Amino acid sequence: MSAFDNYKIYLVQLADDITNNFYTKMVHLCGALKPPLRGRERDYLLNNPEPMNLLKKLEDYGHLSRVKCDVLVGLLEKADFHDMANQVRVRYRLGFDREVSDDDFQRALQYEEQNGGL
């Protein structure tokens, strides 16, 4: 599989893990981004609470890509979803050029947490 395919698969998995409570907070926080998500776009995201829609908008605005996750991590942290923010950081560090098994991911996450990398 290509790095792009691995990245897209990861986004789908990530969207499944974002709960409505965190999703709503994240959408509201998007008003402070440069460029911001406001007005009609924010209303659409709030009325259609589908995390994949939010991730797609972040991609469209250049806030999220296969090599760039800082804005997403910031939104997760500000929404008090720190565990997920740490998981996103670790997954991006592992890269998308290869498939990462759940065991490899858990080992990397545990290593980062033990060594103060997060």
PDB file of N, CA and C in Angstrom:
ATOM      1  N   MET A   1       0.830  -1.172   0.000  1.00  0.00           N
ATOM      2  CA  MET A   1       0.000   0.000   0.000  1.00  0.00           C
ATOM      3  C   MET A   1       0.883   1.246   0.000  1.00  0.00           C
ATOM      4  N   SER A   2       0.394   2.296  -0.604  1.00  0.00           N
ATOM      5  CA  SER A   2       1.174   3.529  -0.663  1.00  0.00           C
ATOM      6  C   SER A   2       1.046   4.307   0.640  1.00  0.00           C
ATOM      7  N   ALA A   3       1.947   5.261   0.811  1.00  0.00           N
ATOM      8  CA  ALA A   3       1.910   6.114   2.007  1.00  0.00           C
ATOM      9  C   ALA A   3       0.598   6.893   2.057  1.00  0.00           C
ATOM     10  N   PHE A   4       0.119   7.336   0.908  1.00  0.00           N
ATOM     11  CA  PHE A   4      -1.141   8.074   0.861  1.00  0.00           C
ATOM     12  C   PHE A   4      -2.298   7.190   1.304  1.00  0.00           C
ATOM     13  N   ASP A   5      -2.315   5.942   0.862  1.00  0.00           N
ATOM     14  CA  ASP A   5      -3.373   5.015   1.268  1.00  0.00           C
ATOM     15  C   ASP A   5      -3.328   4.765   2.775  1.00  0.00           C
ATOM     16  N   ASN A   6      -2.133   4.554   3.305  1.00  0.00           N
ATOM     17  CA  ASN A   6      -1.992   4.339   4.752  1.00  0.00           C
ATOM     18  C   ASN A   6      -2.474   5.560   5.533  1.00  0.00           C
ATOM     19  N   TYR A   7      -2.171   6.736   5.022  1.00  0.00           N
ATOM     20  CA  TYR A   7      -2.614   7.983   5.661  1.00  0.00           C
ATOM     21  C   TYR A   7      -4.136   8.079   5.665  1.00  0.00           C
ATOM     22  N   LYS A   8      -4.762   7.818   4.542  1.00  0.00           N
ATOM     23  CA  LYS A   8      -6.230   7.902   4.445  1.00  0.00           C
ATOM     24  C   LYS A   8      -6.901   6.859   5.344  1.00  0.00           C
ATOM     25  N   ILE A   9      -6.356   5.676   5.405  1.00  0.00           N
ATOM     26  CA  ILE A   9      -6.898   4.634   6.289  1.00  0.00           C
ATOM     27  C   ILE A   9      -6.788   5.098   7.734  1.00  0.00           C
ATOM     28  N   TYR A  10      -5.659   5.703   8.081  1.00  0.00           N
ATOM     29  CA  TYR A  10      -5.490   6.203   9.441  1.00  0.00           C
ATOM     30  C   TYR A  10      -6.523   7.280   9.769  1.00  0.00           C
ATOM     31  N   LEU A  11      -6.801   8.182   8.832  1.00  0.00           N
ATOM     32  CA  LEU A  11      -7.795   9.229   9.085  1.00  0.00           C
ATOM     33  C   LEU A  11      -9.177   8.640   9.348  1.00  0.00           C
ATOM     34  N   VAL A  12      -9.534   7.603   8.627  1.00  0.00           N
ATOM     35  CA  VAL A  12     -10.828   6.944   8.849  1.00  0.00           C
ATOM     36  C   VAL A  12     -10.863   6.330  10.248  1.00  0.00           C
ATOM     37  N   GLN A  13      -9.783   5.666  10.644  1.00  0.00           N
ATOM     38  CA  GLN A  13      -9.721   5.081  11.984  1.00  0.00           C
ATOM     39  C   GLN A  13      -9.771   6.162  13.059  1.00  0.00           C
ATOM     40  N   LEU A  14      -9.070   7.255  12.827  1.00  0.00           N
ATOM     41  CA  LEU A  14      -9.063   8.365  13.780  1.00  0.00           C
ATOM     42  C   LEU A  14     -10.459   8.966  13.914  1.00  0.00           C
ATOM     43  N   ALA A  15     -11.140   9.146  12.804  1.00  0.00           N
ATOM     44  CA  ALA A  15     -12.489   9.713  12.832  1.00  0.00           C
ATOM     45  C   ALA A  15     -13.433   8.837  13.653  1.00  0.00           C
ATOM     46  N   ASP A  16     -13.249   7.544  13.575  1.00  0.00           N
ATOM     47  CA  ASP A  16     -14.083   6.626  14.359  1.00  0.00           C
ATOM     48  C   ASP A  16     -13.870   6.785  15.859  1.00  0.00           C
ATOM     49  N   ASP A  17     -12.691   7.242  16.258  1.00  0.00           N
ATOM     50  CA  ASP A  17     -12.349   7.356  17.678  1.00  0.00           C
ATOM     51  C   ASP A  17     -12.723   8.699  18.301  1.00  0.00           C
ATOM     52  N   ILE A  18     -13.057   9.680  17.493  1.00  0.00           N
ATOM     53  CA  ILE A  18     -13.403  11.003  18.019  1.00  0.00           C
ATOM     54  C   ILE A  18     -14.880  11.014  18.390  1.00  0.00           C
ATOM     55  N   THR A  19     -15.151  11.197  19.675  1.00  0.00           N
ATOM     56  CA  THR A  19     -16.533  11.191  20.156  1.00  0.00           C
ATOM     57  C   THR A  19     -17.188  12.553  19.916  1.00  0.00           C
ATOM     58  N   ASN A  20     -18.515  12.582  19.995  1.00  0.00           N
ATOM     59  CA  ASN A  20     -19.261  13.814  19.728  1.00  0.00           C
ATOM     60  C   ASN A  20     -18.870  14.951  20.651  1.00  0.00           C
ATOM     61  N   ASN A  21     -18.619  14.660  21.921  1.00  0.00           N
ATOM     62  CA  ASN A  21     -18.250  15.713  22.862  1.00  0.00           C
ATOM     63  C   ASN A  21     -16.960  16.406  22.428  1.00  0.00           C
ATOM     64  N   PHE A  22     -15.940  15.629  22.078  1.00  0.00           N
ATOM     65  CA  PHE A  22     -14.679  16.200  21.641  1.00  0.00           C
ATOM     66  C   PHE A  22     -14.827  16.848  20.268  1.00  0.00           C
ATOM     67  N   TYR A  23     -15.624  16.248  19.414  1.00  0.00           N
ATOM     68  CA  TYR A  23     -15.848  16.775  18.069  1.00  0.00           C
ATOM     69  C   TYR A  23     -16.418  18.186  18.135  1.00  0.00           C
ATOM     70  N   THR A  24     -17.438  18.401  18.948  1.00  0.00           N
ATOM     71  CA  THR A  24     -18.075  19.715  19.052  1.00  0.00           C
ATOM     72  C   THR A  24     -17.082  20.759  19.560  1.00  0.00           C
ATOM     73  N   LYS A  25     -16.300  20.405  20.561  1.00  0.00           N
ATOM     74  CA  LYS A  25     -15.279  21.332  21.073  1.00  0.00           C
ATOM     75  C   LYS A  25     -14.277  21.677  19.976  1.00  0.00           C
ATOM     76  N   MET A  26     -13.852  20.668  19.225  1.00  0.00           N
ATOM     77  CA  MET A  26     -12.866  20.890  18.176  1.00  0.00           C
ATOM     78  C   MET A  26     -13.407  21.813  17.091  1.00  0.00           C
ATOM     79  N   VAL A  27     -14.672  21.633  16.718  1.00  0.00           N
ATOM     80  CA  VAL A  27     -15.268  22.494  15.690  1.00  0.00           C
ATOM     81  C   VAL A  27     -15.303  23.933  16.173  1.00  0.00           C
ATOM     82  N   HIS A  28     -15.690  24.157  17.409  1.00  0.00           N
ATOM     83  CA  HIS A  28     -15.723  25.517  17.943  1.00  0.00           C
ATOM     84  C   HIS A  28     -14.326  26.132  17.983  1.00  0.00           C
ATOM     85  N   LEU A  29     -13.318  25.340  18.286  1.00  0.00           N
ATOM     86  CA  LEU A  29     -11.952  25.837  18.331  1.00  0.00           C
ATOM     87  C   LEU A  29     -11.410  26.205  16.944  1.00  0.00           C
ATOM     88  N   CYS A  30     -12.017  25.681  15.894  1.00  0.00           N
ATOM     89  CA  CYS A  30     -11.552  25.951  14.526  1.00  0.00           C
ATOM     90  C   CYS A  30     -11.740  27.411  14.124  1.00  0.00           C
ATOM     91  N   GLY A  31     -12.552  28.151  14.856  1.00  0.00           N
ATOM     92  CA  GLY A  31     -12.725  29.572  14.564  1.00  0.00           C
ATOM     93  C   GLY A  31     -11.467  30.379  14.811  1.00  0.00           C
ATOM     94  N   ALA A  32     -10.540  29.855  15.593  1.00  0.00           N
ATOM     95  CA  ALA A  32      -9.305  30.571  15.901  1.00  0.00           C
ATOM     96  C   ALA A  32      -8.164  30.224  14.946  1.00  0.00           C
ATOM     97  N   LEU A  33      -8.386  29.318  14.026  1.00  0.00           N
ATOM     98  CA  LEU A  33      -7.335  28.937  13.080  1.00  0.00           C
ATOM     99  C   LEU A  33      -7.114  30.027  12.045  1.00  0.00           C
ATOM    100  N   LYS A  34      -5.964  29.979  11.419  1.00  0.00           N
ATOM    101  CA  LYS A  34      -5.658  30.899  10.322  1.00  0.00           C
ATOM    102  C   LYS A  34      -5.451  30.087   9.068  1.00  0.00           C
ATOM    103  N   PRO A  35      -6.286  30.090   8.072  1.00  0.00           N
ATOM    104  CA  PRO A  35      -7.601  30.713   8.005  1.00  0.00           C
ATOM    105  C   PRO A  35      -8.617  29.946   8.857  1.00  0.00           C
ATOM    106  N   PRO A  36      -9.565  30.671   9.410  1.00  0.00           N
ATOM    107  CA  PRO A  36     -10.536  30.044  10.318  1.00  0.00           C
ATOM    108  C   PRO A  36     -11.663  29.322   9.583  1.00  0.00           C
ATOM    109  N   LEU A  37     -12.295  28.416  10.296  1.00  0.00           N
ATOM    110  CA  LEU A  37     -13.521  27.784   9.818  1.00  0.00           C
ATOM    111  C   LEU A  37     -14.661  28.492  10.550  1.00  0.00           C
ATOM    112  N   ARG A  38     -15.415  29.258   9.849  1.00  0.00           N
ATOM    113  CA  ARG A  38     -16.494  30.030  10.471  1.00  0.00           C
ATOM    114  C   ARG A  38     -17.744  29.971   9.618  1.00  0.00           C
ATOM    115  N   GLY A  39     -18.787  30.582  10.146  1.00  0.00           N
ATOM    116  CA  GLY A  39     -20.027  30.769   9.411  1.00  0.00           C
ATOM    117  C   GLY A  39     -20.653  29.484   8.922  1.00  0.00           C
ATOM    118  N   ARG A  40     -20.936  29.467   7.643  1.00  0.00           N
ATOM    119  CA  ARG A  40     -21.640  28.356   7.017  1.00  0.00           C
ATOM    120  C   ARG A  40     -20.897  27.031   7.173  1.00  0.00           C
ATOM    121  N   GLU A  41     -19.574  27.071   7.027  1.00  0.00           N
ATOM    122  CA  GLU A  41     -18.793  25.837   7.145  1.00  0.00           C
ATOM    123  C   GLU A  41     -18.848  25.279   8.564  1.00  0.00           C
ATOM    124  N   ARG A  42     -18.711  26.155   9.554  1.00  0.00           N
ATOM    125  CA  ARG A  42     -18.782  25.693  10.938  1.00  0.00           C
ATOM    126  C   ARG A  42     -20.175  25.169  11.265  1.00  0.00           C
ATOM    127  N   ASP A  43     -21.199  25.874  10.787  1.00  0.00           N
ATOM    128  CA  ASP A  43     -22.574  25.418  11.021  1.00  0.00           C
ATOM    129  C   ASP A  43     -22.805  24.050  10.394  1.00  0.00           C
ATOM    130  N   TYR A  44     -22.275  23.844   9.194  1.00  0.00           N
ATOM    131  CA  TYR A  44     -22.414  22.545   8.538  1.00  0.00           C
ATOM    132  C   TYR A  44     -21.775  21.449   9.381  1.00  0.00           C
ATOM    133  N   LEU A  45     -20.565  21.721   9.886  1.00  0.00           N
ATOM    134  CA  LEU A  45     -19.870  20.722  10.703  1.00  0.00           C
ATOM    135  C   LEU A  45     -20.612  20.435  12.004  1.00  0.00           C
ATOM    136  N   LEU A  46     -21.201  21.473  12.609  1.00  0.00           N
ATOM    137  CA  LEU A  46     -21.948  21.270  13.853  1.00  0.00           C
ATOM    138  C   LEU A  46     -23.256  20.516  13.614  1.00  0.00           C
ATOM    139  N   ASN A  47     -23.911  20.778  12.486  1.00  0.00           N
ATOM    140  CA  ASN A  47     -25.179  20.122  12.187  1.00  0.00           C
ATOM    141  C   ASN A  47     -25.003  18.720  11.617  1.00  0.00           C
ATOM    142  N   ASN A  48     -23.819  18.404  11.159  1.00  0.00           N
ATOM    143  CA  ASN A  48     -23.503  17.081  10.611  1.00  0.00           C
ATOM    144  C   ASN A  48     -22.294  16.533  11.358  1.00  0.00           C
ATOM    145  N   PRO A  49     -22.518  16.102  12.597  1.00  0.00           N
ATOM    146  CA  PRO A  49     -21.386  15.705  13.450  1.00  0.00           C
ATOM    147  C   PRO A  49     -20.706  14.422  12.988  1.00  0.00           C
ATOM    148  N   GLU A  50     -19.931  14.556  11.959  1.00  0.00           N
ATOM    149  CA  GLU A  50     -19.174  13.441  11.405  1.00  0.00           C
ATOM    150  C   GLU A  50     -17.699  13.844  11.427  1.00  0.00           C
ATOM    151  N   PRO A  51     -16.896  13.242  12.306  1.00  0.00           N
ATOM    152  CA  PRO A  51     -15.492  13.648  12.418  1.00  0.00           C
ATOM    153  C   PRO A  51     -14.723  13.642  11.097  1.00  0.00           C
ATOM    154  N   MET A  52     -15.068  12.754  10.180  1.00  0.00           N
ATOM    155  CA  MET A  52     -14.354  12.731   8.905  1.00  0.00           C
ATOM    156  C   MET A  52     -14.573  14.037   8.140  1.00  0.00           C
ATOM    157  N   ASN A  53     -15.746  14.657   8.288  1.00  0.00           N
ATOM    158  CA  ASN A  53     -15.999  15.955   7.648  1.00  0.00           C
ATOM    159  C   ASN A  53     -15.027  17.011   8.186  1.00  0.00           C
ATOM    160  N   LEU A  54     -14.802  17.001   9.490  1.00  0.00           N
ATOM    161  CA  LEU A  54     -13.872  17.951  10.091  1.00  0.00           C
ATOM    162  C   LEU A  54     -12.454  17.706   9.589  1.00  0.00           C
ATOM    163  N   LEU A  55     -12.026  16.459   9.555  1.00  0.00           N
ATOM    164  CA  LEU A  55     -10.685  16.151   9.075  1.00  0.00           C
ATOM    165  C   LEU A  55     -10.515  16.566   7.614  1.00  0.00           C
ATOM    166  N   LYS A  56     -11.547  16.377   6.812  1.00  0.00           N
ATOM    167  CA  LYS A  56     -11.504  16.777   5.401  1.00  0.00           C
ATOM    168  C   LYS A  56     -11.381  18.294   5.283  1.00  0.00           C
ATOM    169  N   LYS A  57     -12.134  19.044   6.097  1.00  0.00           N
ATOM    170  CA  LYS A  57     -12.042  20.507   6.073  1.00  0.00           C
ATOM    171  C   LYS A  57     -10.644  20.966   6.483  1.00  0.00           C
ATOM    172  N   LEU A  58     -10.080  20.320   7.501  1.00  0.00           N
ATOM    173  CA  LEU A  58      -8.720  20.675   7.911  1.00  0.00           C
ATOM    174  C   LEU A  58      -7.736  20.424   6.772  1.00  0.00           C
ATOM    175  N   GLU A  59      -7.939  19.360   6.027  1.00  0.00           N
ATOM    176  CA  GLU A  59      -7.101  19.096   4.854  1.00  0.00           C
ATOM    177  C   GLU A  59      -7.307  20.170   3.793  1.00  0.00           C
ATOM    178  N   ASP A  60      -8.567  20.493   3.511  1.00  0.00           N
ATOM    179  CA  ASP A  60      -8.877  21.495   2.487  1.00  0.00           C
ATOM    180  C   ASP A  60      -8.227  22.842   2.786  1.00  0.00           C
ATOM    181  N   TYR A  61      -8.158  23.200   4.046  1.00  0.00           N
ATOM    182  CA  TYR A  61      -7.586  24.481   4.454  1.00  0.00           C
ATOM    183  C   TYR A  61      -6.067  24.419   4.655  1.00  0.00           C
ATOM    184  N   GLY A  62      -5.478  23.252   4.438  1.00  0.00           N
ATOM    185  CA  GLY A  62      -4.037  23.108   4.562  1.00  0.00           C
ATOM    186  C   GLY A  62      -3.540  22.919   5.984  1.00  0.00           C
ATOM    187  N   HIS A  63      -4.452  22.646   6.910  1.00  0.00           N
ATOM    188  CA  HIS A  63      -4.061  22.444   8.302  1.00  0.00           C
ATOM    189  C   HIS A  63      -3.673  20.998   8.599  1.00  0.00           C
ATOM    190  N   LEU A  64      -3.946  20.081   7.695  1.00  0.00           N
ATOM    191  CA  LEU A  64      -3.693  18.665   7.926  1.00  0.00           C
ATOM    192  C   LEU A  64      -3.238  18.024   6.629  1.00  0.00           C
ATOM    193  N   SER A  65      -2.181  17.249   6.715  1.00  0.00           N
ATOM    194  CA  SER A  65      -1.696  16.512   5.552  1.00  0.00           C
ATOM    195  C   SER A  65      -0.978  15.261   6.047  1.00  0.00           C
ATOM    196  N   ARG A  66      -0.400  14.544   5.123  1.00  0.00           N
ATOM    197  CA  ARG A  66       0.305  13.313   5.462  1.00  0.00           C
ATOM    198  C   ARG A  66       1.540  13.587   6.308  1.00  0.00           C
ATOM    199  N   VAL A  67       2.077  14.801   6.250  1.00  0.00           N
ATOM    200  CA  VAL A  67       3.282  15.140   7.001  1.00  0.00           C
ATOM    201  C   VAL A  67       3.054  16.243   8.035  1.00  0.00           C
ATOM    202  N   LYS A  68       1.834  16.697   8.176  1.00  0.00           N
ATOM    203  CA  LYS A  68       1.550  17.848   9.042  1.00  0.00           C
ATOM    204  C   LYS A  68       0.339  17.570   9.921  1.00  0.00           C
ATOM    205  N   CYS A  69       0.573  17.520  11.241  1.00  0.00           N
ATOM    206  CA  CYS A  69      -0.527  17.222  12.151  1.00  0.00           C
ATOM    207  C   CYS A  69      -0.616  18.193  13.323  1.00  0.00           C
ATOM    208  N   ASP A  70       0.203  19.241  13.329  1.00  0.00           N
ATOM    209  CA  ASP A  70       0.271  20.151  14.469  1.00  0.00           C
ATOM    210  C   ASP A  70      -1.077  20.764  14.831  1.00  0.00           C
ATOM    211  N   VAL A  71      -1.840  21.193  13.840  1.00  0.00           N
ATOM    212  CA  VAL A  71      -3.135  21.818  14.112  1.00  0.00           C
ATOM    213  C   VAL A  71      -4.098  20.796  14.702  1.00  0.00           C
ATOM    214  N   LEU A  72      -4.136  19.599  14.137  1.00  0.00           N
ATOM    215  CA  LEU A  72      -5.007  18.551  14.663  1.00  0.00           C
ATOM    216  C   LEU A  72      -4.635  18.211  16.097  1.00  0.00           C
ATOM    217  N   VAL A  73      -3.359  18.065  16.382  1.00  0.00           N
ATOM    218  CA  VAL A  73      -2.911  17.765  17.744  1.00  0.00           C
ATOM    219  C   VAL A  73      -3.306  18.902  18.678  1.00  0.00           C
ATOM    220  N   GLY A  74      -3.138  20.131  18.233  1.00  0.00           N
ATOM    221  CA  GLY A  74      -3.530  21.276  19.049  1.00  0.00           C
ATOM    222  C   GLY A  74      -5.013  21.288  19.353  1.00  0.00           C
ATOM    223  N   LEU A  75      -5.838  20.979  18.358  1.00  0.00           N
ATOM    224  CA  LEU A  75      -7.289  20.925  18.573  1.00  0.00           C
ATOM    225  C   LEU A  75      -7.649  19.828  19.568  1.00  0.00           C
ATOM    226  N   LEU A  76      -7.022  18.672  19.419  1.00  0.00           N
ATOM    227  CA  LEU A  76      -7.286  17.564  20.339  1.00  0.00           C
ATOM    228  C   LEU A  76      -6.890  17.930  21.767  1.00  0.00           C
ATOM    229  N   GLU A  77      -5.753  18.570  21.916  1.00  0.00           N
ATOM    230  CA  GLU A  77      -5.305  18.952  23.260  1.00  0.00           C
ATOM    231  C   GLU A  77      -6.212  20.013  23.874  1.00  0.00           C
ATOM    232  N   LYS A  78      -6.593  21.001  23.098  1.00  0.00           N
ATOM    233  CA  LYS A  78      -7.459  22.060  23.620  1.00  0.00           C
ATOM    234  C   LYS A  78      -8.860  21.550  23.934  1.00  0.00           C
ATOM    235  N   ALA A  79      -9.242  20.460  23.280  1.00  0.00           N
ATOM    236  CA  ALA A  79     -10.540  19.828  23.572  1.00  0.00           C
ATOM    237  C   ALA A  79     -10.410  18.822  24.714  1.00  0.00           C
ATOM    238  N   ASP A  80      -9.247  18.797  25.370  1.00  0.00           N
ATOM    239  CA  ASP A  80      -8.953  17.894  26.495  1.00  0.00           C
ATOM    240  C   ASP A  80      -8.987  16.418  26.098  1.00  0.00           C
ATOM    241  N   PHE A  81      -8.561  16.123  24.896  1.00  0.00           N
ATOM    242  CA  PHE A  81      -8.482  14.756  24.395  1.00  0.00           C
ATOM    243  C   PHE A  81      -6.996  14.409  24.261  1.00  0.00           C
ATOM    244  N   HIS A  82      -6.273  14.507  25.386  1.00  0.00           N
ATOM    245  CA  HIS A  82      -4.821  14.379  25.397  1.00  0.00           C
ATOM    246  C   HIS A  82      -4.325  13.011  24.963  1.00  0.00           C
ATOM    247  N   ASP A  83      -5.014  11.952  25.353  1.00  0.00           N
ATOM    248  CA  ASP A  83      -4.586  10.608  24.945  1.00  0.00           C
ATOM    249  C   ASP A  83      -4.591  10.471  23.429  1.00  0.00           C
ATOM    250  N   MET A  84      -5.644  10.989  22.806  1.00  0.00           N
ATOM    251  CA  MET A  84      -5.722  10.906  21.345  1.00  0.00           C
ATOM    252  C   MET A  84      -4.649  11.778  20.701  1.00  0.00           C
ATOM    253  N   ALA A  85      -4.367  12.929  21.271  1.00  0.00           N
ATOM    254  CA  ALA A  85      -3.316  13.801  20.737  1.00  0.00           C
ATOM    255  C   ALA A  85      -1.965  13.072  20.768  1.00  0.00           C
ATOM    256  N   ASN A  86      -1.680  12.379  21.860  1.00  0.00           N
ATOM    257  CA  ASN A  86      -0.438  11.615  21.959  1.00  0.00           C
ATOM    258  C   ASN A  86      -0.392  10.510  20.913  1.00  0.00           C
ATOM    259  N   GLN A  87      -1.508   9.841  20.704  1.00  0.00           N
ATOM    260  CA  GLN A  87      -1.563   8.766  19.713  1.00  0.00           C
ATOM    261  C   GLN A  87      -1.329   9.306  18.305  1.00  0.00           C
ATOM    262  N   VAL A  88      -1.895  10.464  18.006  1.00  0.00           N
ATOM    263  CA  VAL A  88      -1.696  11.069  16.684  1.00  0.00           C
ATOM    264  C   VAL A  88      -0.224  11.423  16.494  1.00  0.00           C
ATOM    265  N   ARG A  89       0.393  12.022  17.499  1.00  0.00           N
ATOM    266  CA  ARG A  89       1.817  12.368  17.410  1.00  0.00           C
ATOM    267  C   ARG A  89       2.674  11.139  17.117  1.00  0.00           C
ATOM    268  N   VAL A  90       2.423  10.073  17.856  1.00  0.00           N
ATOM    269  CA  VAL A  90       3.216   8.852  17.679  1.00  0.00           C
ATOM    270  C   VAL A  90       2.989   8.268  16.288  1.00  0.00           C
ATOM    271  N   ARG A  91       1.758   8.228  15.844  1.00  0.00           N
ATOM    272  CA  ARG A  91       1.469   7.650  14.516  1.00  0.00           C
ATOM    273  C   ARG A  91       2.149   8.459  13.418  1.00  0.00           C
ATOM    274  N   TYR A  92       2.147   9.776  13.543  1.00  0.00           N
ATOM    275  CA  TYR A  92       2.826  10.598  12.547  1.00  0.00           C
ATOM    276  C   TYR A  92       4.335  10.394  12.605  1.00  0.00           C
ATOM    277  N   ARG A  93       4.887  10.205  13.787  1.00  0.00           N
ATOM    278  CA  ARG A  93       6.327   9.944  13.896  1.00  0.00           C
ATOM    279  C   ARG A  93       6.701   8.632  13.226  1.00  0.00           C
ATOM    280  N   LEU A  94       5.825   7.650  13.304  1.00  0.00           N
ATOM    281  CA  LEU A  94       6.097   6.362  12.661  1.00  0.00           C
ATOM    282  C   LEU A  94       6.029   6.469  11.145  1.00  0.00           C
ATOM    283  N   GLY A  95       5.316   7.452  10.656  1.00  0.00           N
ATOM    284  CA  GLY A  95       5.217   7.674   9.219  1.00  0.00           C
ATOM    285  C   GLY A  95       4.156   6.803   8.571  1.00  0.00           C
ATOM    286  N   PHE A  96       3.879   7.111   7.328  1.00  0.00           N
ATOM    287  CA  PHE A  96       2.838   6.389   6.597  1.00  0.00           C
ATOM    288  C   PHE A  96       3.398   5.621   5.408  1.00  0.00           C
ATOM    289  N   ASP A  97       4.727   5.549   5.326  1.00  0.00           N
ATOM    290  CA  ASP A  97       5.337   4.857   4.196  1.00  0.00           C
ATOM    291  C   ASP A  97       5.273   3.341   4.324  1.00  0.00           C
ATOM    292  N   ARG A  98       4.823   2.879   5.492  1.00  0.00           N
ATOM    293  CA  ARG A  98       4.641   1.436   5.685  1.00  0.00           C
ATOM    294  C   ARG A  98       3.427   1.229   6.581  1.00  0.00           C
ATOM    295  N   GLU A  99       2.894   0.019   6.529  1.00  0.00           N
ATOM    296  CA  GLU A  99       1.794  -0.312   7.422  1.00  0.00           C
ATOM    297  C   GLU A  99       2.353  -0.531   8.819  1.00  0.00           C
ATOM    298  N   VAL A 100       1.626  -0.077   9.821  1.00  0.00           N
ATOM    299  CA  VAL A 100       2.059  -0.210  11.210  1.00  0.00           C
ATOM    300  C   VAL A 100       1.054  -1.098  11.923  1.00  0.00           C
ATOM    301  N   SER A 101       1.543  -2.198  12.467  1.00  0.00           N
ATOM    302  CA  SER A 101       0.652  -3.111  13.191  1.00  0.00           C
ATOM    303  C   SER A 101       0.257  -2.484  14.527  1.00  0.00           C
ATOM    304  N   ASP A 102      -0.812  -2.984  15.113  1.00  0.00           N
ATOM    305  CA  ASP A 102      -1.248  -2.487  16.418  1.00  0.00           C
ATOM    306  C   ASP A 102      -0.167  -2.697  17.471  1.00  0.00           C
ATOM    307  N   ASP A 103       0.540  -3.829  17.403  1.00  0.00           N
ATOM    308  CA  ASP A 103       1.612  -4.100  18.361  1.00  0.00           C
ATOM    309  C   ASP A 103       2.751  -3.096  18.217  1.00  0.00           C
ATOM    310  N   ASP A 104       3.152  -2.815  16.974  1.00  0.00           N
ATOM    311  CA  ASP A 104       4.216  -1.837  16.739  1.00  0.00           C
ATOM    312  C   ASP A 104       3.805  -0.461  17.254  1.00  0.00           C
ATOM    313  N   PHE A 105       2.559  -0.104  16.999  1.00  0.00           N
ATOM    314  CA  PHE A 105       2.064   1.190  17.440  1.00  0.00           C
ATOM    315  C   PHE A 105       2.048   1.280  18.964  1.00  0.00           C
ATOM    316  N   GLN A 106       1.554   0.246  19.624  1.00  0.00           N
ATOM    317  CA  GLN A 106       1.490   0.255  21.088  1.00  0.00           C
ATOM    318  C   GLN A 106       2.891   0.305  21.701  1.00  0.00           C
ATOM    319  N   ARG A 107       3.837  -0.413  21.114  1.00  0.00           N
ATOM    320  CA  ARG A 107       5.218  -0.370  21.610  1.00  0.00           C
ATOM    321  C   ARG A 107       5.798   1.033  21.457  1.00  0.00           C
ATOM    322  N   ALA A 108       5.562   1.656  20.313  1.00  0.00           N
ATOM    323  CA  ALA A 108       6.076   3.014  20.084  1.00  0.00           C
ATOM    324  C   ALA A 108       5.427   4.011  21.039  1.00  0.00           C
ATOM    325  N   LEU A 109       4.130   3.870  21.257  1.00  0.00           N
ATOM    326  CA  LEU A 109       3.419   4.749  22.179  1.00  0.00           C
ATOM    327  C   LEU A 109       3.950   4.578  23.601  1.00  0.00           C
ATOM    328  N   GLN A 110       4.123   3.340  24.023  1.00  0.00           N
ATOM    329  CA  GLN A 110       4.646   3.064  25.347  1.00  0.00           C
ATOM    330  C   GLN A 110       6.075   3.597  25.499  1.00  0.00           C
ATOM    331  N   TYR A 111       6.889   3.416  24.487  1.00  0.00           N
ATOM    332  CA  TYR A 111       8.264   3.911  24.507  1.00  0.00           C
ATOM    333  C   TYR A 111       8.290   5.427  24.659  1.00  0.00           C
ATOM    334  N   GLU A 112       7.469   6.112  23.882  1.00  0.00           N
ATOM    335  CA  GLU A 112       7.414   7.583  23.945  1.00  0.00           C
ATOM    336  C   GLU A 112       6.970   8.061  25.315  1.00  0.00           C
ATOM    337  N   GLU A 113       5.968   7.392  25.878  1.00  0.00           N
ATOM    338  CA  GLU A 113       5.465   7.801  27.187  1.00  0.00           C
ATOM    339  C   GLU A 113       6.497   7.560  28.278  1.00  0.00           C
ATOM    340  N   GLN A 114       7.210   6.447  28.212  1.00  0.00           N
ATOM    341  CA  GLN A 114       8.222   6.115  29.230  1.00  0.00           C
ATOM    342  C   GLN A 114       9.441   7.029  29.153  1.00  0.00           C
ATOM    343  N   ASN A 115       9.768   7.469  27.966  1.00  0.00           N
ATOM    344  CA  ASN A 115      10.978   8.272  27.774  1.00  0.00           C
ATOM    345  C   ASN A 115      10.687   9.767  27.714  1.00  0.00           C
ATOM    346  N   GLY A 116       9.484  10.140  28.056  1.00  0.00           N
ATOM    347  CA  GLY A 116       9.156  11.567  28.119  1.00  0.00           C
ATOM    348  C   GLY A 116       9.107  12.258  26.789  1.00  0.00           C
ATOM    349  N   GLY A 117       8.924  11.495  25.724  1.00  0.00           N
ATOM    350  CA  GLY A 117       8.872  12.094  24.386  1.00  0.00           C
ATOM    351  C   GLY A 117       7.585  12.836  24.111  1.00  0.00           C
ATOM    352  N   LEU A 118       6.577  12.597  24.955  1.00  0.00           N
ATOM    353  CA  LEU A 118       5.287  13.247  24.720  1.00  0.00           C
ATOM    354  C   LEU A 118       4.986  14.246  25.788  1.00  0.00           C
TER     355      LEU A 118
END
